[in-house]
Protein backbone atom coordinates (compact mmCIF):
# COMPACT_ATOMS: atom_id res chain seq x y z
CA MET A 1 91.74 97.95 66.95
CA PRO A 2 93.71 97.22 70.07
CA LYS A 3 96.61 99.60 70.63
CA GLY A 4 99.75 98.84 72.77
CA TRP A 5 101.15 101.51 75.04
CA VAL A 6 104.31 101.81 77.33
CA THR A 7 104.72 104.31 79.98
CA ARG A 8 107.67 104.82 82.34
CA CYS A 9 108.13 106.50 85.59
CA ALA A 10 111.39 107.21 87.42
CA PRO A 11 110.46 107.44 91.10
CA SER A 12 113.98 107.88 92.15
CA VAL A 13 114.36 111.17 90.41
CA PRO A 14 114.17 113.81 93.06
CA ARG A 15 110.92 115.83 93.04
CA GLY A 16 109.65 118.42 95.57
CA PRO A 17 111.17 119.77 98.67
CA ALA A 18 114.31 117.93 100.01
CA VAL A 19 112.63 117.03 103.19
CA GLU A 20 110.02 114.88 101.50
CA ARG A 21 112.41 112.87 99.36
CA VAL A 22 112.65 109.24 100.27
CA ALA A 23 114.92 106.48 98.82
CA THR A 24 113.14 104.07 96.59
CA PHE A 25 113.73 100.50 95.81
CA TYR A 26 112.66 100.82 92.14
CA PRO A 27 114.64 103.22 90.18
CA GLU A 28 112.16 102.95 87.23
CA VAL A 29 108.81 101.51 86.69
CA THR A 30 107.73 100.47 83.29
CA ILE A 31 104.02 99.72 82.58
CA ALA A 32 102.92 97.98 79.29
CA PHE A 33 99.32 97.82 78.59
CA ILE A 34 96.84 97.40 75.72
CA VAL A 35 93.66 99.51 75.00
CA ALA A 36 91.13 97.51 73.18
CA ASP A 37 88.41 100.20 72.67
CA GLU A 38 88.26 103.87 71.85
CA ARG A 39 87.13 104.96 75.37
CA GLN A 40 89.38 107.26 77.45
CA CYS A 41 91.03 105.40 80.08
CA HIS A 42 93.53 106.20 83.04
CA VAL A 43 96.21 103.64 84.27
CA ALA A 44 96.94 104.60 87.76
CA LEU A 45 100.35 104.06 89.33
CA LEU A 46 100.53 103.82 93.29
CA LEU A 47 103.96 104.12 94.72
CA SER A 48 105.40 103.60 98.06
CA PRO A 49 109.15 103.39 98.83
CA PHE A 50 109.31 99.47 98.45
CA SER A 51 106.24 98.59 96.22
CA TYR A 52 104.03 99.72 93.54
CA SER A 53 100.56 98.92 92.10
CA THR A 54 98.61 99.66 88.91
CA TYR A 55 95.13 99.40 87.81
CA ARG A 56 92.83 100.76 85.07
CA GLU A 57 90.34 103.41 85.61
CA SER A 58 87.69 103.95 83.09
């Protein structure tokens, strides 16, 4: 049975040493996806200061 999921990431929340902090265009990224089978899956989120991309790994 397909199951819907939502995950959120807040890239603008400071993490790590202050010298590595970079201002971001997106204060929050929300990813909604459906898993149609029982296999384990990973939904990767690739971030840069002005863009993001997602993909499903199996």
